[in-house]
Amino acid sequence: MSIRTEPVPARTDVLTGQPAPAAISVRGVRALGLALTAGTLSWATSMFTVGNNPTDSLGLTITDTTGGLFQLGLFALLAIQVRTRATGLTKVAKGMLVVEHVLLAVATLWSFLHAVPALRDAAWLIPMDIFWPLSMLGMAVIGVKIAFAGRWKGAARVWPTVAESWAVVTVPAFGIFGSPVADYIGGAHLLIGYVALGVILMLRPQLTGARA
């Protein structure tokens, strides 16, 4: 009987330099992708029907509410991005997702509060309005970062850039064309972007690195 004194050999079944497995299952990505798709469809439908800035007070309430549902869908998307480390492994890459959570949380709160007629004209609600475009611009930055990080593969890697360019495309459209043209542009972009991204996540969740 002999006693080993040399170091234990390193494992050869672990590939150095490879990204760690995602902390989310394929089923989890599919469920969150469905939430993104459903929330986006609700807002896109309202944009095609009552518009983004309808004069009817009930229509405005519908738009705010469906906009809030869309934002809840974005939280589902962020959950996938966080748990798959989609933006990368650096502190900055992780930090931008934290910042986006804060921006989106305030924007979502504004949407649901603004849907209440009694609160719509409250002075304290006005400063919160800026978080809507800020949160969408934040999503655009995240989309670009995902494409460069390369942790997501195939369509899942490039489609966040398409989806999260919503603010870049739609906000200028409202300034140039106004309603209803910009409403249709915004609704169409939601279908092409976030709805399609949700479908990709449901059909090909493994592209995010999700485990079986």
N, C-alpha and C. Protein backbone atom coordinates (compact mmCIF):
# COMPACT_ATOMS: atom_id res chain seq x y z
N MET A 1 0.84 -1.20 0.00
CA MET A 1 0.00 0.00 0.00
C MET A 1 0.87 1.23 0.00
N SER A 2 0.60 2.17 -0.88
CA SER A 2 1.39 3.40 -0.98
C SER A 2 0.50 4.61 -0.81
N ILE A 3 1.09 5.68 -0.33
CA ILE A 3 0.36 6.93 -0.13
C ILE A 3 0.78 7.93 -1.19
N ARG A 4 -0.22 8.51 -1.89
CA ARG A 4 0.07 9.49 -2.94
C ARG A 4 0.41 10.82 -2.29
N THR A 5 1.49 11.40 -2.75
CA THR A 5 1.90 12.71 -2.23
C THR A 5 1.81 13.80 -3.27
N GLU A 6 1.67 13.40 -4.55
CA GLU A 6 1.60 14.41 -5.61
C GLU A 6 0.18 14.96 -5.70
N PRO A 7 0.00 16.16 -6.28
CA PRO A 7 -1.34 16.78 -6.41
C PRO A 7 -2.27 15.91 -7.23
N VAL A 8 -3.54 15.97 -6.89
CA VAL A 8 -4.54 15.24 -7.66
C VAL A 8 -4.62 15.80 -9.06
N PRO A 9 -4.58 14.99 -10.09
CA PRO A 9 -4.63 15.51 -11.47
C PRO A 9 -5.89 16.32 -11.71
N ALA A 10 -5.73 17.34 -12.52
CA ALA A 10 -6.89 18.18 -12.86
C ALA A 10 -7.88 17.38 -13.67
N ARG A 11 -9.17 17.70 -13.49
CA ARG A 11 -10.20 17.03 -14.27
C ARG A 11 -10.06 17.39 -15.74
N THR A 12 -10.25 16.39 -16.57
CA THR A 12 -10.15 16.63 -18.01
C THR A 12 -11.51 16.78 -18.65
N ASP A 13 -12.60 16.61 -17.83
CA ASP A 13 -13.94 16.71 -18.41
C ASP A 13 -14.50 18.12 -18.30
N VAL A 14 -13.70 19.06 -17.79
CA VAL A 14 -14.13 20.44 -17.68
C VAL A 14 -13.30 21.28 -18.65
N LEU A 15 -13.93 21.94 -19.57
CA LEU A 15 -13.24 22.75 -20.55
C LEU A 15 -13.03 24.14 -20.01
N THR A 16 -11.76 24.52 -19.84
CA THR A 16 -11.47 25.87 -19.34
C THR A 16 -11.83 26.89 -20.40
N GLY A 17 -12.26 28.05 -19.92
CA GLY A 17 -12.62 29.12 -20.84
C GLY A 17 -14.01 29.03 -21.39
N GLN A 18 -14.74 27.97 -21.00
CA GLN A 18 -16.11 27.81 -21.49
C GLN A 18 -17.08 28.48 -20.52
N PRO A 19 -18.17 29.06 -21.02
CA PRO A 19 -19.13 29.70 -20.12
C PRO A 19 -19.81 28.70 -19.21
N ALA A 20 -20.09 29.13 -17.99
CA ALA A 20 -20.78 28.26 -17.04
C ALA A 20 -22.20 27.99 -17.53
N PRO A 21 -22.74 26.82 -17.19
CA PRO A 21 -24.12 26.51 -17.61
C PRO A 21 -25.11 27.55 -17.09
N ALA A 22 -26.12 27.81 -17.86
CA ALA A 22 -27.13 28.79 -17.46
C ALA A 22 -27.92 28.26 -16.28
N ALA A 23 -28.30 29.17 -15.38
CA ALA A 23 -29.05 28.79 -14.18
C ALA A 23 -30.55 28.82 -14.45
N ILE A 24 -30.95 28.27 -15.58
CA ILE A 24 -32.36 28.22 -15.93
C ILE A 24 -32.57 27.06 -16.88
N SER A 25 -33.72 26.44 -16.78
CA SER A 25 -34.02 25.28 -17.62
C SER A 25 -34.66 25.71 -18.93
N VAL A 26 -34.68 24.78 -19.87
CA VAL A 26 -35.35 25.00 -21.15
C VAL A 26 -36.82 25.34 -20.91
N ARG A 27 -37.45 24.62 -19.98
CA ARG A 27 -38.85 24.88 -19.67
C ARG A 27 -39.04 26.28 -19.10
N GLY A 28 -38.09 26.72 -18.28
CA GLY A 28 -38.18 28.06 -17.71
C GLY A 28 -38.09 29.14 -18.77
N VAL A 29 -37.19 28.96 -19.74
CA VAL A 29 -37.06 29.93 -20.83
C VAL A 29 -38.34 29.98 -21.65
N ARG A 30 -38.91 28.81 -21.91
CA ARG A 30 -40.16 28.76 -22.69
C ARG A 30 -41.29 29.51 -21.97
N ALA A 31 -41.41 29.31 -20.67
CA ALA A 31 -42.46 29.97 -19.91
C ALA A 31 -42.28 31.48 -19.90
N LEU A 32 -41.06 31.93 -19.71
CA LEU A 32 -40.79 33.37 -19.70
C LEU A 32 -40.93 33.97 -21.10
N GLY A 33 -40.57 33.20 -22.12
CA GLY A 33 -40.78 33.66 -23.49
C GLY A 33 -42.25 33.83 -23.81
N LEU A 34 -43.08 32.92 -23.27
CA LEU A 34 -44.53 33.04 -23.45
C LEU A 34 -45.05 34.30 -22.77
N ALA A 35 -44.54 34.62 -21.59
CA ALA A 35 -44.96 35.82 -20.88
C ALA A 35 -44.58 37.07 -21.68
N LEU A 36 -43.40 37.07 -22.27
CA LEU A 36 -42.98 38.20 -23.11
C LEU A 36 -43.91 38.34 -24.31
N THR A 37 -44.22 37.25 -24.96
CA THR A 37 -45.08 37.29 -26.14
C THR A 37 -46.48 37.78 -25.79
N ALA A 38 -47.06 37.27 -24.71
CA ALA A 38 -48.42 37.65 -24.32
C ALA A 38 -48.50 39.12 -23.94
N GLY A 39 -47.53 39.58 -23.16
CA GLY A 39 -47.54 40.99 -22.77
C GLY A 39 -47.38 41.92 -23.95
N THR A 40 -46.51 41.55 -24.87
CA THR A 40 -46.29 42.38 -26.05
C THR A 40 -47.51 42.41 -26.95
N LEU A 41 -48.15 41.26 -27.14
CA LEU A 41 -49.34 41.20 -27.98
C LEU A 41 -50.46 42.09 -27.43
N SER A 42 -50.58 42.15 -26.11
CA SER A 42 -51.63 42.98 -25.52
C SER A 42 -51.41 44.45 -25.85
N TRP A 43 -50.16 44.90 -25.76
CA TRP A 43 -49.89 46.31 -26.04
C TRP A 43 -49.99 46.59 -27.53
N ALA A 44 -49.47 45.70 -28.36
CA ALA A 44 -49.55 45.89 -29.81
C ALA A 44 -51.00 45.97 -30.27
N THR A 45 -51.85 45.14 -29.71
CA THR A 45 -53.27 45.15 -30.07
C THR A 45 -53.91 46.50 -29.74
N SER A 46 -53.58 47.04 -28.57
CA SER A 46 -54.16 48.33 -28.19
C SER A 46 -53.64 49.45 -29.08
N MET A 47 -52.40 49.35 -29.53
CA MET A 47 -51.85 50.38 -30.42
C MET A 47 -52.54 50.35 -31.78
N PHE A 48 -52.88 49.16 -32.25
CA PHE A 48 -53.58 49.05 -33.52
C PHE A 48 -55.05 49.46 -33.43
N THR A 49 -55.62 49.37 -32.25
CA THR A 49 -57.06 49.63 -32.10
C THR A 49 -57.35 51.03 -31.55
N VAL A 50 -56.87 51.32 -30.34
CA VAL A 50 -57.16 52.63 -29.74
C VAL A 50 -56.01 53.61 -29.89
N GLY A 51 -54.83 53.14 -30.35
CA GLY A 51 -53.71 54.04 -30.53
C GLY A 51 -52.92 54.24 -29.25
N ASN A 52 -51.80 54.93 -29.36
CA ASN A 52 -50.94 55.15 -28.20
C ASN A 52 -51.35 56.38 -27.42
N ASN A 53 -52.00 57.34 -28.07
CA ASN A 53 -52.42 58.57 -27.41
C ASN A 53 -53.87 58.90 -27.76
N PRO A 54 -54.80 58.01 -27.43
CA PRO A 54 -56.20 58.28 -27.77
C PRO A 54 -56.77 59.41 -26.92
N THR A 55 -57.74 60.14 -27.47
CA THR A 55 -58.36 61.23 -26.72
C THR A 55 -59.39 60.70 -25.74
N ASP A 56 -59.95 59.54 -26.02
CA ASP A 56 -60.94 58.94 -25.13
C ASP A 56 -60.27 58.47 -23.85
N SER A 57 -60.82 58.84 -22.70
CA SER A 57 -60.18 58.51 -21.42
C SER A 57 -60.14 57.01 -21.19
N LEU A 58 -61.16 56.30 -21.59
CA LEU A 58 -61.16 54.85 -21.44
C LEU A 58 -60.08 54.22 -22.31
N GLY A 59 -59.92 54.75 -23.52
CA GLY A 59 -58.88 54.25 -24.41
C GLY A 59 -57.50 54.47 -23.82
N LEU A 60 -57.29 55.62 -23.20
CA LEU A 60 -55.99 55.90 -22.59
C LEU A 60 -55.72 54.93 -21.45
N THR A 61 -56.77 54.61 -20.68
CA THR A 61 -56.61 53.64 -19.60
C THR A 61 -56.21 52.28 -20.16
N ILE A 62 -56.83 51.86 -21.26
CA ILE A 62 -56.49 50.59 -21.88
C ILE A 62 -55.04 50.60 -22.34
N THR A 63 -54.62 51.68 -22.95
CA THR A 63 -53.25 51.78 -23.44
C THR A 63 -52.25 51.69 -22.31
N ASP A 64 -52.51 52.41 -21.22
CA ASP A 64 -51.60 52.36 -20.07
C ASP A 64 -51.54 50.96 -19.48
N THR A 65 -52.69 50.32 -19.36
CA THR A 65 -52.74 49.00 -18.76
C THR A 65 -52.00 47.97 -19.61
N THR A 66 -52.26 47.99 -20.91
CA THR A 66 -51.58 47.03 -21.79
C THR A 66 -50.10 47.35 -21.89
N GLY A 67 -49.76 48.64 -21.80
CA GLY A 67 -48.35 49.00 -21.77
C GLY A 67 -47.67 48.43 -20.53
N GLY A 68 -48.39 48.45 -19.41
CA GLY A 68 -47.86 47.85 -18.20
C GLY A 68 -47.70 46.35 -18.32
N LEU A 69 -48.63 45.70 -19.00
CA LEU A 69 -48.51 44.25 -19.23
C LEU A 69 -47.29 43.95 -20.10
N PHE A 70 -47.06 44.79 -21.08
CA PHE A 70 -45.86 44.64 -21.91
C PHE A 70 -44.60 44.76 -21.06
N GLN A 71 -44.60 45.72 -20.15
CA GLN A 71 -43.43 45.91 -19.30
C GLN A 71 -43.22 44.72 -18.36
N LEU A 72 -44.29 44.12 -17.90
CA LEU A 72 -44.16 42.89 -17.11
C LEU A 72 -43.53 41.78 -17.96
N GLY A 73 -43.88 41.77 -19.25
CA GLY A 73 -43.26 40.81 -20.16
C GLY A 73 -41.77 41.06 -20.30
N LEU A 74 -41.38 42.34 -20.25
CA LEU A 74 -39.95 42.67 -20.31
C LEU A 74 -39.21 42.16 -19.09
N PHE A 75 -39.88 42.17 -17.94
CA PHE A 75 -39.25 41.60 -16.74
C PHE A 75 -38.98 40.11 -16.95
N ALA A 76 -39.88 39.43 -17.66
CA ALA A 76 -39.66 38.02 -17.98
C ALA A 76 -38.42 37.86 -18.86
N LEU A 77 -38.28 38.75 -19.83
CA LEU A 77 -37.11 38.72 -20.70
C LEU A 77 -35.84 38.98 -19.90
N LEU A 78 -35.89 39.97 -19.02
CA LEU A 78 -34.72 40.28 -18.18
C LEU A 78 -34.35 39.10 -17.30
N ALA A 79 -35.36 38.36 -16.83
CA ALA A 79 -35.08 37.20 -15.99
C ALA A 79 -34.25 36.17 -16.75
N ILE A 80 -34.58 35.96 -18.02
CA ILE A 80 -33.79 35.04 -18.84
C ILE A 80 -32.38 35.58 -19.02
N GLN A 81 -32.27 36.87 -19.30
CA GLN A 81 -30.97 37.48 -19.55
C GLN A 81 -30.07 37.41 -18.32
N VAL A 82 -30.65 37.63 -17.15
CA VAL A 82 -29.87 37.56 -15.92
C VAL A 82 -29.39 36.14 -15.65
N ARG A 83 -30.29 35.19 -15.78
CA ARG A 83 -29.96 33.82 -15.39
C ARG A 83 -29.10 33.09 -16.43
N THR A 84 -29.02 33.64 -17.64
CA THR A 84 -28.11 33.08 -18.64
C THR A 84 -26.87 33.95 -18.82
N ARG A 85 -26.80 35.04 -18.04
CA ARG A 85 -25.67 35.98 -18.12
C ARG A 85 -25.47 36.44 -19.56
N ALA A 86 -26.57 36.82 -20.17
CA ALA A 86 -26.58 37.10 -21.61
C ALA A 86 -25.68 38.26 -22.00
N THR A 87 -25.49 39.23 -21.11
CA THR A 87 -24.68 40.40 -21.46
C THR A 87 -23.20 40.20 -21.18
N GLY A 88 -22.84 39.09 -20.56
CA GLY A 88 -21.44 38.83 -20.26
C GLY A 88 -21.22 38.60 -18.77
N LEU A 89 -19.96 38.40 -18.41
CA LEU A 89 -19.62 38.02 -17.05
C LEU A 89 -18.96 39.14 -16.25
N THR A 90 -18.69 40.27 -16.87
CA THR A 90 -18.04 41.36 -16.16
C THR A 90 -19.03 42.07 -15.25
N LYS A 91 -18.49 42.87 -14.32
CA LYS A 91 -19.35 43.63 -13.41
C LYS A 91 -20.21 44.63 -14.17
N VAL A 92 -19.63 45.23 -15.21
CA VAL A 92 -20.39 46.20 -16.01
C VAL A 92 -21.53 45.49 -16.73
N ALA A 93 -21.26 44.31 -17.29
CA ALA A 93 -22.28 43.55 -18.01
C ALA A 93 -23.42 43.18 -17.10
N LYS A 94 -23.10 42.75 -15.88
CA LYS A 94 -24.14 42.39 -14.92
C LYS A 94 -24.84 43.64 -14.39
N GLY A 95 -24.06 44.71 -14.21
CA GLY A 95 -24.61 45.95 -13.66
C GLY A 95 -25.66 46.59 -14.55
N MET A 96 -25.49 46.49 -15.86
CA MET A 96 -26.46 47.13 -16.75
C MET A 96 -27.83 46.46 -16.63
N LEU A 97 -27.87 45.18 -16.30
CA LEU A 97 -29.14 44.50 -16.09
C LEU A 97 -29.79 44.95 -14.78
N VAL A 98 -28.97 45.23 -13.77
CA VAL A 98 -29.49 45.74 -12.50
C VAL A 98 -30.09 47.12 -12.71
N VAL A 99 -29.37 47.99 -13.42
CA VAL A 99 -29.86 49.34 -13.70
C VAL A 99 -31.17 49.29 -14.49
N GLU A 100 -31.23 48.39 -15.46
CA GLU A 100 -32.44 48.27 -16.27
C GLU A 100 -33.63 47.82 -15.42
N HIS A 101 -33.40 46.97 -14.46
CA HIS A 101 -34.49 46.56 -13.56
C HIS A 101 -35.07 47.76 -12.81
N VAL A 102 -34.21 48.64 -12.37
CA VAL A 102 -34.67 49.84 -11.64
C VAL A 102 -35.46 50.75 -12.57
N LEU A 103 -34.92 51.03 -13.75
CA LEU A 103 -35.60 51.90 -14.72
C LEU A 103 -36.96 51.32 -15.10
N LEU A 104 -36.99 50.03 -15.37
CA LEU A 104 -38.22 49.39 -15.80
C LEU A 104 -39.25 49.32 -14.67
N ALA A 105 -38.78 49.14 -13.45
CA ALA A 105 -39.70 49.08 -12.31
C ALA A 105 -40.45 50.39 -12.14
N VAL A 106 -39.73 51.51 -12.24
CA VAL A 106 -40.38 52.82 -12.10
C VAL A 106 -41.31 53.07 -13.28
N ALA A 107 -40.88 52.69 -14.49
CA ALA A 107 -41.71 52.89 -15.69
C ALA A 107 -42.99 52.06 -15.61
N THR A 108 -42.88 50.83 -15.11
CA THR A 108 -44.07 49.97 -14.98
C THR A 108 -45.03 50.53 -13.94
N LEU A 109 -44.49 51.00 -12.84
CA LEU A 109 -45.33 51.60 -11.81
C LEU A 109 -46.07 52.80 -12.37
N TRP A 110 -45.37 53.61 -13.17
CA TRP A 110 -46.01 54.77 -13.80
C TRP A 110 -47.18 54.33 -14.69
N SER A 111 -46.98 53.28 -15.46
CA SER A 111 -48.02 52.83 -16.40
C SER A 111 -49.30 52.47 -15.67
N PHE A 112 -49.20 51.69 -14.62
CA PHE A 112 -50.40 51.25 -13.92
C PHE A 112 -51.03 52.38 -13.09
N LEU A 113 -50.21 53.28 -12.56
CA LEU A 113 -50.76 54.42 -11.84
C LEU A 113 -51.42 55.40 -12.79
N HIS A 114 -50.82 55.60 -13.96
CA HIS A 114 -51.36 56.53 -14.95
C HIS A 114 -52.66 56.00 -15.54
N ALA A 115 -52.90 54.70 -15.40
CA ALA A 115 -54.15 54.11 -15.90
C ALA A 115 -55.34 54.45 -15.02
N VAL A 116 -55.07 54.95 -13.82
CA VAL A 116 -56.14 55.32 -12.89
C VAL A 116 -56.52 56.77 -13.14
N PRO A 117 -57.75 57.04 -13.60
CA PRO A 117 -58.14 58.41 -13.95
C PRO A 117 -57.89 59.43 -12.83
N ALA A 118 -58.09 59.03 -11.59
CA ALA A 118 -57.93 59.96 -10.47
C ALA A 118 -56.48 60.36 -10.24
N LEU A 119 -55.55 59.55 -10.74
CA LEU A 119 -54.12 59.82 -10.52
C LEU A 119 -53.43 60.38 -11.75
N ARG A 120 -54.10 60.35 -12.88
CA ARG A 120 -53.44 60.64 -14.15
C ARG A 120 -52.79 62.02 -14.20
N ASP A 121 -53.39 63.01 -13.56
CA ASP A 121 -52.87 64.37 -13.61
C ASP A 121 -52.11 64.76 -12.36
N ALA A 122 -51.75 63.80 -11.52
CA ALA A 122 -51.03 64.10 -10.29
C ALA A 122 -49.64 64.63 -10.61
N ALA A 123 -49.24 65.70 -9.94
CA ALA A 123 -47.96 66.34 -10.23
C ALA A 123 -46.79 65.40 -9.91
N TRP A 124 -46.93 64.60 -8.85
CA TRP A 124 -45.83 63.72 -8.46
C TRP A 124 -45.62 62.57 -9.43
N LEU A 125 -46.59 62.35 -10.33
CA LEU A 125 -46.47 61.28 -11.31
C LEU A 125 -45.68 61.73 -12.54
N ILE A 126 -45.63 63.04 -12.76
CA ILE A 126 -44.99 63.56 -13.98
C ILE A 126 -43.51 63.17 -14.08
N PRO A 127 -42.69 63.32 -13.03
CA PRO A 127 -41.27 62.95 -13.17
C PRO A 127 -41.04 61.48 -13.50
N MET A 128 -41.97 60.64 -13.13
CA MET A 128 -41.81 59.21 -13.39
C MET A 128 -41.96 58.88 -14.87
N ASP A 129 -42.61 59.76 -15.62
CA ASP A 129 -42.88 59.52 -17.04
C ASP A 129 -41.58 59.33 -17.83
N ILE A 130 -40.50 60.00 -17.42
CA ILE A 130 -39.25 59.94 -18.16
C ILE A 130 -38.64 58.54 -18.12
N PHE A 131 -39.05 57.73 -17.13
CA PHE A 131 -38.48 56.39 -17.01
C PHE A 131 -38.97 55.46 -18.11
N TRP A 132 -40.09 55.80 -18.76
CA TRP A 132 -40.58 54.99 -19.89
C TRP A 132 -39.54 54.96 -21.02
N PRO A 133 -39.20 56.13 -21.59
CA PRO A 133 -38.19 56.09 -22.67
C PRO A 133 -36.81 55.65 -22.18
N LEU A 134 -36.46 56.00 -20.93
CA LEU A 134 -35.15 55.59 -20.41
C LEU A 134 -35.06 54.06 -20.32
N SER A 135 -36.13 53.43 -19.87
CA SER A 135 -36.11 51.97 -19.76
C SER A 135 -36.02 51.32 -21.13
N MET A 136 -36.68 51.90 -22.13
CA MET A 136 -36.62 51.32 -23.47
C MET A 136 -35.26 51.53 -24.12
N LEU A 137 -34.66 52.69 -23.85
CA LEU A 137 -33.30 52.92 -24.35
C LEU A 137 -32.32 51.97 -23.67
N GLY A 138 -32.56 51.70 -22.39
CA GLY A 138 -31.73 50.74 -21.69
C GLY A 138 -31.82 49.36 -22.30
N MET A 139 -33.02 48.96 -22.70
CA MET A 139 -33.19 47.67 -23.36
C MET A 139 -32.44 47.63 -24.69
N ALA A 140 -32.40 48.77 -25.39
CA ALA A 140 -31.67 48.83 -26.66
C ALA A 140 -30.18 48.61 -26.44
N VAL A 141 -29.64 49.21 -25.40
CA VAL A 141 -28.22 49.02 -25.07
C VAL A 141 -27.95 47.55 -24.74
N ILE A 142 -28.84 46.94 -23.98
CA ILE A 142 -28.69 45.53 -23.61
C ILE A 142 -28.73 44.64 -24.85
N GLY A 143 -29.61 44.96 -25.79
CA GLY A 143 -29.69 44.18 -27.02
C GLY A 143 -28.38 44.16 -27.78
N VAL A 144 -27.75 45.33 -27.88
CA VAL A 144 -26.46 45.43 -28.57
C VAL A 144 -25.39 44.65 -27.80
N LYS A 145 -25.43 44.75 -26.48
CA LYS A 145 -24.43 44.05 -25.66
C LYS A 145 -24.55 42.55 -25.80
N ILE A 146 -25.79 42.05 -25.89
CA ILE A 146 -25.99 40.61 -26.07
C ILE A 146 -25.38 40.14 -27.38
N ALA A 147 -25.56 40.93 -28.43
CA ALA A 147 -25.01 40.56 -29.74
C ALA A 147 -23.49 40.48 -29.68
N PHE A 148 -22.85 41.42 -28.99
CA PHE A 148 -21.39 41.43 -28.91
C PHE A 148 -20.87 40.37 -27.94
N ALA A 149 -21.61 40.11 -26.86
CA ALA A 149 -21.15 39.13 -25.88
C ALA A 149 -21.10 37.72 -26.47
N GLY A 150 -22.08 37.40 -27.32
CA GLY A 150 -22.07 36.12 -28.01
C GLY A 150 -22.39 34.92 -27.15
N ARG A 151 -22.98 35.14 -25.98
CA ARG A 151 -23.35 34.00 -25.13
C ARG A 151 -24.63 33.33 -25.64
N TRP A 152 -25.55 34.12 -26.17
CA TRP A 152 -26.70 33.55 -26.86
C TRP A 152 -26.28 33.26 -28.30
N LYS A 153 -26.91 32.28 -28.90
CA LYS A 153 -26.51 31.84 -30.22
C LYS A 153 -27.64 32.03 -31.24
N GLY A 154 -27.27 32.00 -32.51
CA GLY A 154 -28.23 32.03 -33.60
C GLY A 154 -29.16 33.22 -33.55
N ALA A 155 -30.44 32.96 -33.82
CA ALA A 155 -31.43 34.03 -33.86
C ALA A 155 -31.57 34.71 -32.50
N ALA A 156 -31.39 33.96 -31.42
CA ALA A 156 -31.51 34.54 -30.09
C ALA A 156 -30.43 35.58 -29.83
N ARG A 157 -29.32 35.46 -30.52
CA ARG A 157 -28.23 36.43 -30.33
C ARG A 157 -28.52 37.76 -31.01
N VAL A 158 -29.12 37.72 -32.21
CA VAL A 158 -29.31 38.95 -32.98
C VAL A 158 -30.68 39.58 -32.77
N TRP A 159 -31.69 38.77 -32.39
CA TRP A 159 -33.04 39.32 -32.35
C TRP A 159 -33.28 40.31 -31.22
N PRO A 160 -32.59 40.21 -30.08
CA PRO A 160 -32.77 41.26 -29.07
C PRO A 160 -32.42 42.65 -29.59
N THR A 161 -31.43 42.74 -30.48
CA THR A 161 -31.08 44.03 -31.06
C THR A 161 -32.22 44.57 -31.90
N VAL A 162 -32.89 43.68 -32.64
CA VAL A 162 -34.05 44.09 -33.44
C VAL A 162 -35.19 44.52 -32.52
N ALA A 163 -35.52 43.67 -31.56
CA ALA A 163 -36.66 43.94 -30.68
C ALA A 163 -36.44 45.19 -29.83
N GLU A 164 -35.25 45.31 -29.28
CA GLU A 164 -34.99 46.36 -28.32
C GLU A 164 -34.60 47.69 -28.97
N SER A 165 -34.73 47.75 -30.29
CA SER A 165 -34.58 49.04 -30.99
C SER A 165 -35.92 49.76 -31.08
N TRP A 166 -36.92 49.28 -30.33
CA TRP A 166 -38.26 49.86 -30.41
C TRP A 166 -38.25 51.37 -30.17
N ALA A 167 -37.59 51.79 -29.12
CA ALA A 167 -37.58 53.23 -28.80
C ALA A 167 -36.84 54.02 -29.87
N VAL A 168 -35.76 53.46 -30.38
CA VAL A 168 -34.95 54.15 -31.39
C VAL A 168 -35.76 54.39 -32.66
N VAL A 169 -36.63 53.45 -32.99
CA VAL A 169 -37.44 53.56 -34.21
C VAL A 169 -38.74 54.32 -33.97
N THR A 170 -39.43 54.00 -32.88
CA THR A 170 -40.79 54.48 -32.68
C THR A 170 -40.87 55.89 -32.12
N VAL A 171 -40.02 56.22 -31.18
CA VAL A 171 -40.08 57.57 -30.58
C VAL A 171 -39.90 58.66 -31.64
N PRO A 172 -38.89 58.56 -32.54
CA PRO A 172 -38.80 59.56 -33.61
C PRO A 172 -40.03 59.55 -34.53
N ALA A 173 -40.63 58.37 -34.73
CA ALA A 173 -41.81 58.27 -35.60
C ALA A 173 -42.95 59.09 -35.05
N PHE A 174 -43.12 59.11 -33.73
CA PHE A 174 -44.18 59.92 -33.13
C PHE A 174 -43.89 61.40 -33.34
N GLY A 175 -42.62 61.77 -33.29
CA GLY A 175 -42.27 63.17 -33.51
C GLY A 175 -42.45 63.62 -34.95
N ILE A 176 -42.23 62.70 -35.88
CA ILE A 176 -42.30 63.05 -37.31
C ILE A 176 -43.72 62.90 -37.86
N PHE A 177 -44.35 61.76 -37.56
CA PHE A 177 -45.65 61.47 -38.17
C PHE A 177 -46.83 61.70 -37.24
N GLY A 178 -46.62 61.51 -35.94
CA GLY A 178 -47.73 61.60 -35.01
C GLY A 178 -48.68 60.41 -35.17
N SER A 179 -49.79 60.46 -34.42
CA SER A 179 -50.80 59.40 -34.54
C SER A 179 -51.68 59.66 -35.76
N PRO A 180 -52.23 58.66 -36.44
CA PRO A 180 -52.13 57.23 -36.09
C PRO A 180 -50.98 56.50 -36.77
N VAL A 181 -50.23 57.20 -37.66
CA VAL A 181 -49.17 56.51 -38.40
C VAL A 181 -48.13 55.91 -37.44
N ALA A 182 -47.71 56.72 -36.48
CA ALA A 182 -46.70 56.23 -35.53
C ALA A 182 -47.23 55.09 -34.68
N ASP A 183 -48.55 55.09 -34.41
CA ASP A 183 -49.14 53.98 -33.66
C ASP A 183 -48.98 52.67 -34.42
N TYR A 184 -49.22 52.73 -35.73
CA TYR A 184 -49.09 51.52 -36.54
C TYR A 184 -47.62 51.09 -36.64
N ILE A 185 -46.74 52.06 -36.73
CA ILE A 185 -45.31 51.73 -36.78
C ILE A 185 -44.88 51.06 -35.48
N GLY A 186 -45.32 51.65 -34.36
CA GLY A 186 -44.98 51.08 -33.07
C GLY A 186 -45.54 49.69 -32.88
N GLY A 187 -46.81 49.49 -33.27
CA GLY A 187 -47.42 48.18 -33.14
C GLY A 187 -46.74 47.14 -34.02
N ALA A 188 -46.42 47.53 -35.25
CA ALA A 188 -45.75 46.61 -36.17
C ALA A 188 -44.37 46.23 -35.66
N HIS A 189 -43.66 47.21 -35.11
CA HIS A 189 -42.32 46.93 -34.58
C HIS A 189 -42.40 45.96 -33.40
N LEU A 190 -43.44 46.08 -32.59
CA LEU A 190 -43.62 45.14 -31.48
C LEU A 190 -43.79 43.72 -31.98
N LEU A 191 -44.56 43.56 -33.06
CA LEU A 191 -44.78 42.23 -33.62
C LEU A 191 -43.50 41.66 -34.21
N ILE A 192 -42.80 42.49 -34.97
CA ILE A 192 -41.57 42.03 -35.61
C ILE A 192 -40.46 41.80 -34.59
N GLY A 193 -40.46 42.62 -33.54
CA GLY A 193 -39.38 42.56 -32.56
C GLY A 193 -39.66 41.66 -31.38
N TYR A 194 -40.37 42.19 -30.38
CA TYR A 194 -40.54 41.46 -29.12
C TYR A 194 -41.40 40.21 -29.24
N VAL A 195 -42.45 40.25 -30.06
CA VAL A 195 -43.27 39.04 -30.22
C VAL A 195 -42.44 37.95 -30.88
N ALA A 196 -41.71 38.31 -31.93
CA ALA A 196 -40.86 37.32 -32.60
C ALA A 196 -39.78 36.80 -31.66
N LEU A 197 -39.21 37.67 -30.83
CA LEU A 197 -38.19 37.23 -29.87
C LEU A 197 -38.79 36.25 -28.88
N GLY A 198 -40.00 36.55 -28.40
CA GLY A 198 -40.66 35.63 -27.49
C GLY A 198 -40.89 34.27 -28.11
N VAL A 199 -41.27 34.25 -29.38
CA VAL A 199 -41.49 32.99 -30.09
C VAL A 199 -40.18 32.22 -30.24
N ILE A 200 -39.10 32.94 -30.55
CA ILE A 200 -37.78 32.30 -30.66
C ILE A 200 -37.39 31.64 -29.33
N LEU A 201 -37.63 32.36 -28.24
CA LEU A 201 -37.29 31.81 -26.93
C LEU A 201 -38.13 30.60 -26.58
N MET A 202 -39.38 30.59 -27.05
CA MET A 202 -40.25 29.43 -26.79
C MET A 202 -39.85 28.22 -27.63
N LEU A 203 -39.51 28.47 -28.90
CA LEU A 203 -39.22 27.37 -29.82
C LEU A 203 -37.78 26.88 -29.73
N ARG A 204 -36.85 27.80 -29.44
CA ARG A 204 -35.43 27.44 -29.41
C ARG A 204 -34.76 27.92 -28.13
N PRO A 205 -35.26 27.52 -26.98
CA PRO A 205 -34.71 28.00 -25.71
C PRO A 205 -33.24 27.64 -25.51
N GLN A 206 -32.80 26.56 -26.14
CA GLN A 206 -31.42 26.11 -25.98
C GLN A 206 -30.42 27.12 -26.55
N LEU A 207 -30.89 28.04 -27.40
CA LEU A 207 -30.00 29.04 -27.96
C LEU A 207 -29.48 30.00 -26.90
N THR A 208 -30.17 30.07 -25.77
CA THR A 208 -29.73 30.93 -24.67
C THR A 208 -28.74 30.23 -23.75
N GLY A 209 -28.50 28.96 -24.00
CA GLY A 209 -27.62 28.20 -23.12
C GLY A 209 -28.37 27.53 -21.99
N ALA A 210 -29.68 27.57 -22.01
CA ALA A 210 -30.49 26.94 -20.97
C ALA A 210 -30.23 25.44 -20.93
N ARG A 211 -30.27 24.89 -19.72
CA ARG A 211 -30.03 23.45 -19.56
C ARG A 211 -31.31 22.68 -19.83
N ALA A 212 -31.14 21.43 -20.18
CA ALA A 212 -32.30 20.59 -20.50
C ALA A 212 -33.11 20.29 -19.26
